Amino acid sequence: MQLEGTPGHRLVAYYAEPGTHEHGALVLLDMAAHELTANVAAPNSRLSATTPDGAV
């Protein structure tokens, strides 16, 4: 779905019936998104994407 007034942006929605493998995959994606968001908010947390020496 194109969003008026926001060139280049789209809204995409995914749905899967609960109890299916597809639903489980979407739940895992949602969990990963929350972890990434938490990592951006607290970059020094243990979920940091950097190595112990600070490299990305």
C-alpha atoms as a PDB file:
ATOM      1  CA  MET A   1       0.000   0.000   0.000  1.00  0.00           C
ATOM      2  CA  GLN A   2       1.469   3.344  -1.011  1.00  0.00           C
ATOM      3  CA  LEU A   3       1.236   6.096   1.597  1.00  0.00           C
ATOM      4  CA  GLU A   4       0.256   9.497   0.238  1.00  0.00           C
ATOM      5  CA  GLY A   5       2.661  12.303   1.070  1.00  0.00           C
ATOM      6  CA  THR A   6       5.491   9.903   1.919  1.00  0.00           C
ATOM      7  CA  PRO A   7       7.373   9.169  -1.298  1.00  0.00           C
ATOM      8  CA  GLY A   8       9.138   5.831  -1.265  1.00  0.00           C
ATOM      9  CA  HIS A   9       7.334   4.513   1.825  1.00  0.00           C
ATOM     10  CA  ARG A  10       4.902   1.608   1.886  1.00  0.00           C
ATOM     11  CA  LEU A  11       2.827  -0.055   4.552  1.00  0.00           C
ATOM     12  CA  VAL A  12       2.967  -3.849   4.526  1.00  0.00           C
ATOM     13  CA  ALA A  13       0.942  -6.107   6.831  1.00  0.00           C
ATOM     14  CA  TYR A  14       1.450  -9.839   7.284  1.00  0.00           C
ATOM     15  CA  TYR A  15      -1.040 -12.293   8.759  1.00  0.00           C
ATOM     16  CA  ALA A  16      -0.853 -15.992   9.514  1.00  0.00           C
ATOM     17  CA  GLU A  17      -3.352 -18.295  11.180  1.00  0.00           C
ATOM     18  CA  PRO A  18      -2.363 -19.017  14.792  1.00  0.00           C
ATOM     19  CA  GLY A  19      -0.921 -22.494  15.245  1.00  0.00           C
ATOM     20  CA  THR A  20       0.681 -22.635  11.777  1.00  0.00           C
ATOM     21  CA  HIS A  21       4.386 -22.691  10.976  1.00  0.00           C
ATOM     22  CA  GLU A  22       3.927 -19.336   9.274  1.00  0.00           C
ATOM     23  CA  HIS A  23       2.512 -17.857  12.484  1.00  0.00           C
ATOM     24  CA  GLY A  24       5.483 -19.162  14.440  1.00  0.00           C
ATOM     25  CA  ALA A  25       7.837 -17.532  11.922  1.00  0.00           C
ATOM     26  CA  LEU A  26       6.040 -14.193  12.226  1.00  0.00           C
ATOM     27  CA  VAL A  27       6.240 -14.387  16.022  1.00  0.00           C
ATOM     28  CA  LEU A  28      10.005 -14.973  15.780  1.00  0.00           C
ATOM     29  CA  LEU A  29      10.370 -12.000  13.442  1.00  0.00           C
ATOM     30  CA  ASP A  30       8.391  -9.852  15.876  1.00  0.00           C
ATOM     31  CA  MET A  31      10.610 -10.953  18.764  1.00  0.00           C
ATOM     32  CA  ALA A  32      13.754 -10.176  16.753  1.00  0.00           C
ATOM     33  CA  ALA A  33      12.410  -6.719  15.900  1.00  0.00           C
ATOM     34  CA  HIS A  34      11.835  -6.002  19.594  1.00  0.00           C
ATOM     35  CA  GLU A  35      15.397  -7.108  20.414  1.00  0.00           C
ATOM     36  CA  LEU A  36      16.819  -4.868  17.696  1.00  0.00           C
ATOM     37  CA  THR A  37      14.730  -1.925  18.895  1.00  0.00           C
ATOM     38  CA  ALA A  38      15.905  -2.491  22.466  1.00  0.00           C
ATOM     39  CA  ASN A  39      19.494  -2.650  21.219  1.00  0.00           C
ATOM     40  CA  VAL A  40      19.156   0.719  19.478  1.00  0.00           C
ATOM     41  CA  ALA A  41      17.678   2.242  22.646  1.00  0.00           C
ATOM     42  CA  ALA A  42      20.424   0.750  24.854  1.00  0.00           C
ATOM     43  CA  PRO A  43      23.480   0.204  22.635  1.00  0.00           C
ATOM     44  CA  ASN A  44      25.678  -0.946  25.521  1.00  0.00           C
ATOM     45  CA  SER A  45      23.378  -3.832  26.443  1.00  0.00           C
ATOM     46  CA  ARG A  46      24.452  -7.447  26.052  1.00  0.00           C
ATOM     47  CA  LEU A  47      22.412  -7.606  22.825  1.00  0.00           C
ATOM     48  CA  SER A  48      24.826  -5.210  21.150  1.00  0.00           C
ATOM     49  CA  ALA A  49      25.744  -6.024  17.565  1.00  0.00           C
ATOM     50  CA  THR A  50      29.401  -5.162  18.224  1.00  0.00           C
ATOM     51  CA  THR A  51      32.192  -7.592  19.049  1.00  0.00           C
ATOM     52  CA  PRO A  52      33.993  -7.470  22.428  1.00  0.00           C
ATOM     53  CA  ASP A  53      36.674  -5.207  20.918  1.00  0.00           C
ATOM     54  CA  GLY A  54      34.004  -2.711  19.816  1.00  0.00           C
ATOM     55  CA  ALA A  55      34.018  -3.522  16.093  1.00  0.00           C
ATOM     56  CA  VAL A  56      30.700  -3.774  14.276  1.00  0.00           C
END
